[in-house]
C-alpha atoms as a PDB file:
ATOM      1  CA  MET A   1      47.568  18.682  -4.584  1.00  0.00           C
ATOM      2  CA  ASP A   2      49.463  17.378  -1.552  1.00  0.00           C
ATOM      3  CA  ASN A   3      52.027  15.263  -3.396  1.00  0.00           C
ATOM      4  CA  HIS A   4      53.188  13.479  -0.267  1.00  0.00           C
ATOM      5  CA  ARG A   5      49.672  12.146   0.333  1.00  0.00           C
ATOM      6  CA  LEU A   6      49.203  10.645  -3.134  1.00  0.00           C
ATOM      7  CA  VAL A   7      50.184   7.244  -1.750  1.00  0.00           C
ATOM      8  CA  SER A   8      47.362   7.469   0.795  1.00  0.00           C
ATOM      9  CA  PRO A   9      44.295   5.479  -0.315  1.00  0.00           C
ATOM     10  CA  SER A  10      41.983   7.840   1.545  1.00  0.00           C
ATOM     11  CA  TYR A  11      43.464  10.909  -0.155  1.00  0.00           C
ATOM     12  CA  VAL A  12      43.274   9.241  -3.569  1.00  0.00           C
ATOM     13  CA  LYS A  13      39.587   8.557  -2.886  1.00  0.00           C
ATOM     14  CA  GLU A  14      39.090  12.243  -2.028  1.00  0.00           C
ATOM     15  CA  ILE A  15      40.495  13.286  -5.397  1.00  0.00           C
ATOM     16  CA  ILE A  16      38.491  10.654  -7.259  1.00  0.00           C
ATOM     17  CA  ASN A  17      35.299  11.804  -5.562  1.00  0.00           C
ATOM     18  CA  GLU A  18      36.045  15.500  -6.039  1.00  0.00           C
ATOM     19  CA  TYR A  19      36.458  15.072  -9.791  1.00  0.00           C
ATOM     20  CA  GLN A  20      33.898  12.272 -10.077  1.00  0.00           C
ATOM     21  CA  PHE A  21      36.572  10.262 -11.833  1.00  0.00           C
ATOM     22  CA  ARG A  22      35.625   6.846 -13.210  1.00  0.00           C
ATOM     23  CA  PHE A  23      38.259   4.193 -13.816  1.00  0.00           C
ATOM     24  CA  LYS A  24      38.415   3.052 -17.429  1.00  0.00           C
ATOM     25  CA  LYS A  25      39.176  -0.625 -17.690  1.00  0.00           C
ATOM     26  CA  ARG A  26      40.385  -0.313 -21.292  1.00  0.00           C
ATOM     27  CA  PHE A  27      43.322   1.794 -20.078  1.00  0.00           C
ATOM     28  CA  GLY A  28      44.332  -0.611 -17.309  1.00  0.00           C
ATOM     29  CA  GLN A  29      44.272   2.104 -14.638  1.00  0.00           C
ATOM     30  CA  ASN A  30      45.713   1.115 -11.259  1.00  0.00           C
ATOM     31  CA  PHE A  31      47.145   3.819  -8.997  1.00  0.00           C
ATOM     32  CA  LEU A  32      50.151   2.942  -6.850  1.00  0.00           C
ATOM     33  CA  VAL A  33      49.443   3.668  -3.173  1.00  0.00           C
ATOM     34  CA  ASP A  34      52.618   2.409  -1.513  1.00  0.00           C
ATOM     35  CA  GLY A  35      55.337   4.870  -0.535  1.00  0.00           C
ATOM     36  CA  ASN A  36      58.022   2.228  -0.011  1.00  0.00           C
ATOM     37  CA  ILE A  37      57.780   0.876  -3.553  1.00  0.00           C
ATOM     38  CA  LEU A  38      57.608   4.403  -4.926  1.00  0.00           C
ATOM     39  CA  GLN A  39      60.842   5.198  -3.125  1.00  0.00           C
ATOM     40  CA  LYS A  40      62.504   2.055  -4.517  1.00  0.00           C
ATOM     41  CA  ILE A  41      61.580   3.099  -8.050  1.00  0.00           C
ATOM     42  CA  LEU A  42      63.031   6.562  -7.463  1.00  0.00           C
ATOM     43  CA  HIS A  43      66.228   5.209  -5.906  1.00  0.00           C
ATOM     44  CA  SER A  44      66.729   2.672  -8.683  1.00  0.00           C
ATOM     45  CA  ALA A  45      66.404   5.342 -11.392  1.00  0.00           C
ATOM     46  CA  GLU A  46      69.527   7.094 -10.002  1.00  0.00           C
ATOM     47  CA  LEU A  47      68.382  10.453 -11.304  1.00  0.00           C
ATOM     48  CA  THR A  48      70.642  13.471 -11.714  1.00  0.00           C
ATOM     49  CA  GLU A  49      69.769  17.109 -12.270  1.00  0.00           C
ATOM     50  CA  GLN A  50      70.693  16.731 -15.957  1.00  0.00           C
ATOM     51  CA  ASP A  51      68.352  13.810 -16.703  1.00  0.00           C
ATOM     52  CA  PHE A  52      65.301  13.994 -18.918  1.00  0.00           C
ATOM     53  CA  VAL A  53      62.685  11.445 -17.850  1.00  0.00           C
ATOM     54  CA  ILE A  54      59.923   9.968 -19.943  1.00  0.00           C
ATOM     55  CA  GLU A  55      56.964   8.562 -18.035  1.00  0.00           C
ATOM     56  CA  VAL A  56      54.112   6.626 -19.624  1.00  0.00           C
ATOM     57  CA  GLY A  57      50.882   6.774 -17.655  1.00  0.00           C
ATOM     58  CA  THR A  58      50.767   9.916 -15.506  1.00  0.00           C
ATOM     59  CA  GLY A  59      47.766   8.753 -13.516  1.00  0.00           C
ATOM     60  CA  LEU A  60      47.269  11.167 -10.615  1.00  0.00           C
ATOM     61  CA  GLY A  61      50.915  12.245 -10.798  1.00  0.00           C
ATOM     62  CA  THR A  62      52.082  10.062  -7.908  1.00  0.00           C
ATOM     63  CA  LEU A  63      55.361   9.060  -9.570  1.00  0.00           C
ATOM     64  CA  THR A  64      55.559  12.210 -11.699  1.00  0.00           C
ATOM     65  CA  THR A  65      55.810  14.542  -8.718  1.00  0.00           C
ATOM     66  CA  LYS A  66      58.409  12.313  -7.051  1.00  0.00           C
ATOM     67  CA  LEU A  67      60.603  12.354 -10.155  1.00  0.00           C
ATOM     68  CA  ALA A  68      60.391  16.089 -10.841  1.00  0.00           C
ATOM     69  CA  PRO A  69      62.606  17.443  -8.009  1.00  0.00           C
ATOM     70  CA  HIS A  70      65.441  15.074  -8.961  1.00  0.00           C
ATOM     71  CA  CYS A  71      65.803  15.661 -12.711  1.00  0.00           C
ATOM     72  CA  ARG A  72      65.945  18.302 -15.420  1.00  0.00           C
ATOM     73  CA  LYS A  73      62.507  17.563 -16.852  1.00  0.00           C
ATOM     74  CA  VAL A  74      59.719  14.975 -16.768  1.00  0.00           C
ATOM     75  CA  ILE A  75      57.739  14.396 -19.951  1.00  0.00           C
ATOM     76  CA  SER A  76      54.712  12.319 -19.012  1.00  0.00           C
ATOM     77  CA  PHE A  77      52.219  10.741 -21.418  1.00  0.00           C
ATOM     78  CA  GLU A  78      48.606  10.264 -20.330  1.00  0.00           C
ATOM     79  CA  ILE A  79      45.935   8.993 -22.702  1.00  0.00           C
ATOM     80  CA  ASP A  80      42.966   9.622 -20.382  1.00  0.00           C
ATOM     81  CA  HIS A  81      41.790  13.220 -20.807  1.00  0.00           C
ATOM     82  CA  ASP A  82      40.012  13.120 -17.455  1.00  0.00           C
ATOM     83  CA  LEU A  83      43.294  12.401 -15.677  1.00  0.00           C
ATOM     84  CA  VAL A  84      45.072  15.060 -17.711  1.00  0.00           C
ATOM     85  CA  LYS A  85      42.545  17.597 -16.409  1.00  0.00           C
ATOM     86  CA  ILE A  86      43.160  16.524 -12.800  1.00  0.00           C
ATOM     87  CA  VAL A  87      46.956  16.590 -12.928  1.00  0.00           C
ATOM     88  CA  THR A  88      47.253  19.818 -14.921  1.00  0.00           C
ATOM     89  CA  GLU A  89      45.091  21.566 -12.338  1.00  0.00           C
ATOM     90  CA  ARG A  90      46.947  20.126  -9.388  1.00  0.00           C
ATOM     91  CA  ILE A  91      50.600  19.631 -10.362  1.00  0.00           C
ATOM     92  CA  ASN A  92      52.651  22.803 -10.055  1.00  0.00           C
ATOM     93  CA  ASN A  93      56.132  21.461 -10.865  1.00  0.00           C
ATOM     94  CA  LYS A  94      57.527  23.769 -13.555  1.00  0.00           C
ATOM     95  CA  ASN A  95      59.711  21.021 -15.049  1.00  0.00           C
ATOM     96  CA  VAL A  96      56.793  18.658 -15.747  1.00  0.00           C
ATOM     97  CA  GLN A  97      55.209  18.459 -19.185  1.00  0.00           C
ATOM     98  CA  ILE A  98      52.015  16.430 -19.557  1.00  0.00           C
ATOM     99  CA  ILE A  99      51.254  15.168 -23.054  1.00  0.00           C
ATOM    100  CA  SER A 100      47.667  14.119 -23.582  1.00  0.00           C
ATOM    101  CA  SER A 101      48.208  11.374 -26.132  1.00  0.00           C
ATOM    102  CA  ASP A 102      48.925   7.699 -26.724  1.00  0.00           C
ATOM    103  CA  ALA A 103      52.653   7.265 -26.093  1.00  0.00           C
ATOM    104  CA  LEU A 104      52.938   4.577 -28.756  1.00  0.00           C
ATOM    105  CA  SER A 105      51.643   6.889 -31.460  1.00  0.00           C
ATOM    106  CA  LEU A 106      54.362   9.527 -31.082  1.00  0.00           C
ATOM    107  CA  ASP A 107      58.040   9.783 -31.947  1.00  0.00           C
ATOM    108  CA  TRP A 108      59.666  10.140 -28.540  1.00  0.00           C
ATOM    109  CA  LEU A 109      62.789  11.756 -29.965  1.00  0.00           C
ATOM    110  CA  ASP A 110      60.677  14.490 -31.545  1.00  0.00           C
ATOM    111  CA  VAL A 111      58.821  14.977 -28.262  1.00  0.00           C
ATOM    112  CA  LEU A 112      62.087  15.262 -26.341  1.00  0.00           C
ATOM    113  CA  THR A 113      63.599  17.703 -28.817  1.00  0.00           C
ATOM    114  CA  GLN A 114      60.506  19.898 -28.756  1.00  0.00           C
ATOM    115  CA  GLY A 115      60.692  19.768 -24.951  1.00  0.00           C
ATOM    116  CA  GLY A 116      64.175  21.255 -24.875  1.00  0.00           C
ATOM    117  CA  TRP A 117      66.317  18.108 -24.894  1.00  0.00           C
ATOM    118  CA  GLN A 118      69.823  18.668 -26.289  1.00  0.00           C
ATOM    119  CA  GLY A 119      71.504  15.341 -25.739  1.00  0.00           C
ATOM    120  CA  GLU A 120      71.255  15.043 -21.955  1.00  0.00           C
ATOM    121  CA  PRO A 121      70.837  11.555 -20.422  1.00  0.00           C
ATOM    122  CA  VAL A 122      67.336  10.134 -20.887  1.00  0.00           C
ATOM    123  CA  LYS A 123      65.563   7.589 -18.707  1.00  0.00           C
ATOM    124  CA  LEU A 124      62.188   5.872 -18.903  1.00  0.00           C
ATOM    125  CA  VAL A 125      60.617   5.597 -15.460  1.00  0.00           C
ATOM    126  CA  ALA A 126      57.001   4.477 -15.295  1.00  0.00           C
ATOM    127  CA  ASN A 127      54.236   2.363 -13.883  1.00  0.00           C
ATOM    128  CA  LEU A 128      53.369   0.932 -17.296  1.00  0.00           C
ATOM    129  CA  PRO A 129      49.826   0.144 -18.438  1.00  0.00           C
ATOM    130  CA  TYR A 130      49.720  -3.635 -18.406  1.00  0.00           C
ATOM    131  CA  TYR A 131      48.048  -4.000 -21.788  1.00  0.00           C
ATOM    132  CA  LEU A 132      50.927  -2.139 -23.477  1.00  0.00           C
ATOM    133  CA  THR A 133      53.882  -3.295 -21.381  1.00  0.00           C
ATOM    134  CA  THR A 134      55.854  -5.316 -23.924  1.00  0.00           C
ATOM    135  CA  ARG A 135      55.250  -2.884 -26.765  1.00  0.00           C
ATOM    136  CA  LEU A 136      56.380   0.069 -24.658  1.00  0.00           C
ATOM    137  CA  ILE A 137      59.507  -1.694 -23.413  1.00  0.00           C
ATOM    138  CA  MET A 138      60.499  -2.649 -26.949  1.00  0.00           C
ATOM    139  CA  LYS A 139      59.770   0.871 -28.213  1.00  0.00           C
ATOM    140  CA  ALA A 140      62.176   2.151 -25.586  1.00  0.00           C
ATOM    141  CA  LEU A 141      64.879  -0.401 -26.376  1.00  0.00           C
ATOM    142  CA  GLU A 142      64.567  -0.470 -30.160  1.00  0.00           C
ATOM    143  CA  GLY A 143      63.668   3.165 -30.787  1.00  0.00           C
ATOM    144  CA  ASN A 144      65.745   6.224 -31.579  1.00  0.00           C
ATOM    145  CA  VAL A 145      65.957   7.588 -28.028  1.00  0.00           C
ATOM    146  CA  PRO A 146      69.299   6.808 -26.315  1.00  0.00           C
ATOM    147  CA  PHE A 147      67.879   5.670 -22.971  1.00  0.00           C
ATOM    148  CA  THR A 148      70.493   4.880 -20.340  1.00  0.00           C
ATOM    149  CA  GLU A 149      68.039   3.315 -17.901  1.00  0.00           C
ATOM    150  CA  VAL A 150      64.531   1.894 -18.067  1.00  0.00           C
ATOM    151  CA  VAL A 151      62.870   1.434 -14.664  1.00  0.00           C
ATOM    152  CA  VAL A 152      59.318   0.174 -14.984  1.00  0.00           C
ATOM    153  CA  MET A 153      56.526  -1.479 -13.044  1.00  0.00           C
ATOM    154  CA  VAL A 154      55.246  -4.493 -14.987  1.00  0.00           C
ATOM    155  CA  GLN A 155      53.142  -7.576 -14.406  1.00  0.00           C
ATOM    156  CA  LYS A 156      54.946 -10.242 -12.403  1.00  0.00           C
ATOM    157  CA  GLU A 157      54.676 -12.634 -15.348  1.00  0.00           C
ATOM    158  CA  VAL A 158      56.344 -10.115 -17.675  1.00  0.00           C
ATOM    159  CA  ALA A 159      59.118  -9.529 -15.139  1.00  0.00           C
ATOM    160  CA  GLU A 160      59.710 -13.276 -15.013  1.00  0.00           C
ATOM    161  CA  ARG A 161      59.934 -13.397 -18.809  1.00  0.00           C
ATOM    162  CA  ILE A 162      62.369 -10.490 -18.862  1.00  0.00           C
ATOM    163  CA  MET A 163      64.617 -12.110 -16.248  1.00  0.00           C
ATOM    164  CA  ALA A 164      64.313 -15.694 -17.525  1.00  0.00           C
ATOM    165  CA  ILE A 165      67.326 -17.809 -18.455  1.00  0.00           C
ATOM    166  CA  PRO A 166      67.574 -20.415 -21.237  1.00  0.00           C
ATOM    167  CA  GLY A 167      65.797 -23.689 -20.592  1.00  0.00           C
ATOM    168  CA  THR A 168      63.138 -22.255 -18.275  1.00  0.00           C
ATOM    169  CA  LYS A 169      59.422 -22.053 -18.970  1.00  0.00           C
ATOM    170  CA  ALA A 170      59.374 -18.245 -18.918  1.00  0.00           C
ATOM    171  CA  TYR A 171      62.274 -17.904 -21.373  1.00  0.00           C
ATOM    172  CA  GLY A 172      61.166 -16.595 -24.749  1.00  0.00           C
ATOM    173  CA  VAL A 173      61.524 -13.923 -27.402  1.00  0.00           C
ATOM    174  CA  LEU A 174      61.173 -11.097 -24.859  1.00  0.00           C
ATOM    175  CA  SER A 175      63.958 -12.584 -22.712  1.00  0.00           C
ATOM    176  CA  VAL A 176      66.337 -12.679 -25.676  1.00  0.00           C
ATOM    177  CA  ALA A 177      65.291  -9.232 -26.906  1.00  0.00           C
ATOM    178  CA  VAL A 178      65.917  -7.582 -23.546  1.00  0.00           C
ATOM    179  CA  ALA A 179      69.272  -9.369 -23.186  1.00  0.00           C
ATOM    180  CA  TYR A 180      70.294  -7.993 -26.598  1.00  0.00           C
ATOM    181  CA  TYR A 181      69.733  -4.399 -25.508  1.00  0.00           C
ATOM    182  CA  ALA A 182      70.082  -4.290 -21.730  1.00  0.00           C
ATOM    183  CA  GLN A 183      71.192  -5.786 -18.443  1.00  0.00           C
ATOM    184  CA  ALA A 184      68.061  -6.610 -16.445  1.00  0.00           C
ATOM    185  CA  SER A 185      67.668  -6.655 -12.669  1.00  0.00           C
ATOM    186  CA  LEU A 186      64.764  -6.972 -10.243  1.00  0.00           C
ATOM    187  CA  VAL A 187      64.148  -3.855  -8.143  1.00  0.00           C
ATOM    188  CA  ALA A 188      61.105  -4.852  -6.098  1.00  0.00           C
ATOM    189  CA  LYS A 189      58.070  -7.089  -5.965  1.00  0.00           C
ATOM    190  CA  ALA A 190      54.689  -5.402  -5.792  1.00  0.00           C
ATOM    191  CA  PRO A 191      51.664  -7.376  -4.628  1.00  0.00           C
ATOM    192  CA  ARG A 192      48.318  -6.411  -6.109  1.00  0.00           C
ATOM    193  CA  THR A 193      47.295  -4.877  -2.766  1.00  0.00           C
ATOM    194  CA  VAL A 194      49.562  -1.841  -3.299  1.00  0.00           C
ATOM    195  CA  PHE A 195      47.328  -0.539  -6.085  1.00  0.00           C
ATOM    196  CA  MET A 196      43.941   1.141  -6.232  1.00  0.00           C
ATOM    197  CA  PRO A 197      41.937  -0.530  -7.551  1.00  0.00           C
ATOM    198  CA  ALA A 198      43.772  -3.813  -7.027  1.00  0.00           C
ATOM    199  CA  PRO A 199      44.553  -5.554 -10.338  1.00  0.00           C
ATOM    200  CA  ASP A 200      44.050  -9.283 -10.863  1.00  0.00           C
ATOM    201  CA  VAL A 201      47.799  -9.977 -10.858  1.00  0.00           C
ATOM    202  CA  ASP A 202      50.890  -9.160  -8.826  1.00  0.00           C
ATOM    203  CA  SER A 203      53.562  -6.868 -10.239  1.00  0.00           C
ATOM    204  CA  ALA A 204      57.281  -6.178 -10.063  1.00  0.00           C
ATOM    205  CA  VAL A 205      59.658  -3.324 -10.765  1.00  0.00           C
ATOM    206  CA  VAL A 206      62.498  -4.128 -13.154  1.00  0.00           C
ATOM    207  CA  LYS A 207      65.507  -2.074 -14.170  1.00  0.00           C
ATOM    208  CA  LEU A 208      67.012  -2.345 -17.638  1.00  0.00           C
ATOM    209  CA  SER A 209      70.438  -0.733 -17.988  1.00  0.00           C
ATOM    210  CA  THR A 210      71.119  -0.388 -21.686  1.00  0.00           C
ATOM    211  CA  ILE A 211      74.280  -1.909 -23.159  1.00  0.00           C
ATOM    212  CA  LEU A 212      75.916  -2.316 -26.524  1.00  0.00           C
ATOM    213  CA  PRO A 213      74.557  -5.489 -28.156  1.00  0.00           C
ATOM    214  CA  PRO A 214      76.714  -8.426 -26.996  1.00  0.00           C
ATOM    215  CA  VAL A 215      76.410 -10.156 -30.378  1.00  0.00           C
ATOM    216  CA  ALA A 216      77.499  -8.656 -33.701  1.00  0.00           C
ATOM    217  CA  VAL A 217      74.324  -9.415 -35.636  1.00  0.00           C
ATOM    218  CA  ALA A 218      71.746  -7.010 -37.019  1.00  0.00           C
ATOM    219  CA  PRO A 219      68.589  -7.162 -34.856  1.00  0.00           C
ATOM    220  CA  ASN A 220      66.279  -7.808 -37.823  1.00  0.00           C
ATOM    221  CA  ASP A 221      68.189 -10.935 -38.798  1.00  0.00           C
ATOM    222  CA  LEU A 222      68.700 -12.078 -35.217  1.00  0.00           C
ATOM    223  CA  PHE A 223      65.057 -11.803 -34.237  1.00  0.00           C
ATOM    224  CA  SER A 224      63.884 -13.479 -37.434  1.00  0.00           C
ATOM    225  CA  VAL A 225      65.789 -16.539 -36.217  1.00  0.00           C
ATOM    226  CA  VAL A 226      64.709 -16.106 -32.590  1.00  0.00           C
ATOM    227  CA  ARG A 227      61.018 -15.764 -33.445  1.00  0.00           C
ATOM    228  CA  ALA A 228      61.194 -18.794 -35.703  1.00  0.00           C
ATOM    229  CA  ALA A 229      62.918 -20.829 -32.988  1.00  0.00           C
ATOM    230  CA  PHE A 230      60.205 -19.985 -30.443  1.00  0.00           C
ATOM    231  CA  GLY A 231      57.329 -20.254 -32.898  1.00  0.00           C
ATOM    232  CA  GLN A 232      56.561 -23.841 -31.964  1.00  0.00           C
ATOM    233  CA  ARG A 233      58.021 -24.460 -28.542  1.00  0.00           C
ATOM    234  CA  ARG A 234      57.501 -28.225 -28.532  1.00  0.00           C
ATOM    235  CA  LYS A 235      59.402 -28.763 -31.767  1.00  0.00           C
ATOM    236  CA  THR A 236      63.149 -29.158 -32.188  1.00  0.00           C
ATOM    237  CA  ILE A 237      65.362 -26.350 -33.393  1.00  0.00           C
ATOM    238  CA  ARG A 238      65.829 -28.253 -36.645  1.00  0.00           C
ATOM    239  CA  ASN A 239      62.098 -28.242 -37.333  1.00  0.00           C
ATOM    240  CA  THR A 240      61.272 -24.745 -36.105  1.00  0.00           C
ATOM    241  CA  LEU A 241      63.917 -23.168 -38.354  1.00  0.00           C
ATOM    242  CA  ARG A 242      63.027 -25.195 -41.446  1.00  0.00           C
ATOM    243  CA  SER A 243      60.431 -22.734 -42.772  1.00  0.00           C
ATOM    244  CA  LEU A 244      62.684 -19.702 -42.284  1.00  0.00           C
ATOM    245  CA  CYS A 245      65.581 -21.501 -43.942  1.00  0.00           C
ATOM    246  CA  LYS A 246      63.373 -22.416 -46.883  1.00  0.00           C
ATOM    247  CA  ASN A 247      62.544 -18.715 -47.340  1.00  0.00           C
ATOM    248  CA  TRP A 248      66.251 -17.925 -47.156  1.00  0.00           C
ATOM    249  CA  LYS A 249      66.947 -20.742 -49.665  1.00  0.00           C
ATOM    250  CA  ILE A 250      68.984 -22.716 -47.142  1.00  0.00           C
ATOM    251  CA  THR A 251      68.630 -26.474 -47.484  1.00  0.00           C
ATOM    252  CA  ASP A 252      67.827 -28.862 -44.631  1.00  0.00           C
ATOM    253  CA  ASP A 253      71.282 -30.407 -44.982  1.00  0.00           C
ATOM    254  CA  GLN A 254      72.934 -27.001 -44.710  1.00  0.00           C
ATOM    255  CA  LEU A 255      70.926 -26.159 -41.605  1.00  0.00           C
ATOM    256  CA  GLU A 256      71.818 -29.492 -40.054  1.00  0.00           C
ATOM    257  CA  GLN A 257      75.507 -28.931 -40.730  1.00  0.00           C
ATOM    258  CA  VAL A 258      75.444 -25.428 -39.243  1.00  0.00           C
ATOM    259  CA  LEU A 259      73.874 -26.761 -36.041  1.00  0.00           C
ATOM    260  CA  ILE A 260      76.448 -29.538 -35.805  1.00  0.00           C
ATOM    261  CA  ASP A 261      79.323 -27.121 -36.463  1.00  0.00           C
ATOM    262  CA  LEU A 262      78.086 -24.889 -33.638  1.00  0.00           C
ATOM    263  CA  ASP A 263      77.742 -27.860 -31.283  1.00  0.00           C
ATOM    264  CA  ILE A 264      73.976 -27.343 -31.127  1.00  0.00           C
ATOM    265  CA  SER A 265      72.122 -30.620 -31.200  1.00  0.00           C
ATOM    266  CA  PRO A 266      69.429 -30.497 -33.943  1.00  0.00           C
ATOM    267  CA  SER A 267      67.112 -32.243 -31.473  1.00  0.00           C
ATOM    268  CA  LEU A 268      67.283 -29.406 -28.935  1.00  0.00           C
ATOM    269  CA  ARG A 269      64.392 -26.979 -28.558  1.00  0.00           C
ATOM    270  CA  GLY A 270      64.777 -23.289 -29.249  1.00  0.00           C
ATOM    271  CA  GLU A 271      64.153 -22.274 -25.656  1.00  0.00           C
ATOM    272  CA  THR A 272      67.428 -23.901 -24.590  1.00  0.00           C
ATOM    273  CA  LEU A 273      69.609 -21.579 -26.692  1.00  0.00           C
ATOM    274  CA  SER A 274      71.308 -18.542 -25.179  1.00  0.00           C
ATOM    275  CA  LEU A 275      71.675 -15.153 -26.860  1.00  0.00           C
ATOM    276  CA  PRO A 276      75.308 -15.884 -27.893  1.00  0.00           C
ATOM    277  CA  GLN A 277      74.175 -19.160 -29.452  1.00  0.00           C
ATOM    278  CA  PHE A 278      71.389 -17.396 -31.345  1.00  0.00           C
ATOM    279  CA  GLY A 279      73.933 -14.823 -32.489  1.00  0.00           C
ATOM    280  CA  ALA A 280      76.373 -17.424 -33.766  1.00  0.00           C
ATOM    281  CA  LEU A 281      73.586 -19.370 -35.456  1.00  0.00           C
ATOM    282  CA  THR A 282      72.252 -16.243 -37.176  1.00  0.00           C
ATOM    283  CA  GLU A 283      75.726 -15.309 -38.414  1.00  0.00           C
ATOM    284  CA  ARG A 284      76.166 -18.691 -40.049  1.00  0.00           C
ATOM    285  CA  LEU A 285      72.723 -18.707 -41.633  1.00  0.00           C
ATOM    286  CA  ILE A 286      73.197 -15.217 -43.067  1.00  0.00           C
ATOM    287  CA  VAL A 287      76.292 -16.427 -44.904  1.00  0.00           C
ATOM    288  CA  LEU A 288      74.211 -19.159 -46.544  1.00  0.00           C
ATOM    289  CA  ARG A 289      71.177 -16.981 -47.281  1.00  0.00           C
ATOM    290  CA  ARG A 290      70.475 -16.386 -50.975  1.00  0.00           C
END
């Protein structure tokens, strides 16, 4: 396989025709055919020769073969057995391991360890399948693999949610969750025309540099409050948290007092609260929980 030509639509068509490959809509298959965006992904990942890289969605190996010369090893998941056949026949990089399986179904730490990982830096770099984007990002951030960087192609709408600030329409649970684990930045915009076949939406590349949580609250408790606050976006924070507080045996009066003490108006909506505010609110509610 001529790796440099994998961003050429005509060459991709040659491979597809040679193997009589049929795109499977259920897997959300869209091959990147733009060298400039590919280069931006590679540059943003800031790879070193010690890095282990996890990729989800090998495809034809377009990104895989770009990553391989710049890192210790690439472990790439591909659920489509037809694509696994193509790339295993055509990719000759000795530091690439293709795993023919659903990435969500496996323990990534086990996979890394079995692949020779001994504590080296680990990065997730991928053109993510759209139908699994959020679940894969959260698996990376919440899981047991110590990722230093996550550089991923996602739907434009998901990128907007990741980057959103309090009080905006796109701000939600994902925005708060990412802010808890990482510092997010936009790497590049990717119009639908840079893929084959073209998807129905535009995309973007985002970079998540992992950080220590900026609030001293256990994630389970924090996100119980966050999910409750965003559960009914048109209702006030007082009303959205009422059910959770009832389960925690916190009275309405106690909730009201906590909000007032934290200078959070009970009439505000959850989407106006920042991560530090959610952290402070959770800390106070935990004290009252019985």
